[in-house]
Structures are given as structure tokens and as C-alpha cells.
Amino acid sequence: MIRPFFAVLLAASFSTCVLFAQQEQRKSPHETVSAQLGANSITITYGRPSLHGRKAVGGSLVPYNEVWRLGADEATKLTTPVALMIGDLKVPKGSYALFTIAGQDHWTLIVNKKADQWGAFDYKQSDDLGRTPLKVTKTPSSVEEFTITMQPAGANTLALHFIWENTDASTTVRLAE
């Protein structure tokens, strides 16, 4: 009777150690942002790297003209219970990985059908649902930690922003017809 108890206790302790070890490996905090679009909750889960004195956009963290995972660790994940229009791209309900290609004066948002992947290491363009341009503006001051926001921007419309360093790349999200 005592042995099964200790076996369960040992298994629980091991599981807890593995969970803590995985969390220890993360150097960036993780966040989930949600916004209501009509009666539907749209969520984005991502890692939030910090500048720590480094150059991000156009530097080693977000190099120009290369696919970037829009955060740290796992690829940024969008989950929607309804079909959306993100910019000019129709996105069916489901979960997707988000990537971007940053340029000096333009960015492209990539919606990839393989939702669960680590970074952009196994990214395949053949898995893309599609791409849409992002509007790029300069922020009034430097933003230390990569930030994604979704804010109401009219009837059944959200403004989606990817903000880091002195760059704000944005588009609109609305219900698809």
C-alpha cells in the first residue's frame, strides 16, 4: 500500500522538475493577448524578447529580408474560432503560426498552417496559408520588450500591432464575410 503512494509521489516530483527545467530554459517571458471581435475571442500567444542593449530590427535579432518568428521560443500562435480577414488575407477558423519578413520600409505578415513549431527553424513556405503587407511606422520612443497588441478599431475591426525597438508594424483584423 505504501509503495504505490511513493511511486506516485516520485512520478509527480519528476514531472514537476521537468516542468521547472523547461521554464528555466526560457529567457523571454511568454504572453497571451486576446481581443473580442464581435462575440468571438481572438488570441495570440508569443514570447517577448528584450533588447538588452542590442539592435533588434535590421540587426541580428530581426534581420531584414529573412523569416522571423515574431517573438521568442515557439513560433507566435494565432487562434481564432471564426474566419478572419487579416489585412487582405482570408484566414479560416483554426490555429496558425505567425511569421514576418521585415524590410527597411515594409514588412510582410506570414500566416502559416503549421501552428505548433519551434521558432522559424522548420518554417516551410509550402505550409503558408498566405501573406499580407504590414504598415510600418516609427514609435515615438524605443520599446524594450517585443509587444503584440490587438485593439478595437471600429465596428468588428481590430488594429493588430507588432511593436519593438522603434518599429510598429500593423494591419487590421476583421470578420470575414
Foldseek 3Di string as FASTA:
>chain_A
DVVVVVVVVVVVVVVVVVVVVVVVPDPFDKDKAWDDQPNWIKIKIATKAFQPVHDDPCGPNQNAQDKWQLHAWWRIKIATQAWKQWFNAIDGGGMWGWIWHDHPQWIKIWTFQPRTDTICPVPDPVRTSDIDIWGKDFAPAFDGIWDWDWDDDDRSKTWIWTDGGGITTITMMGGDD
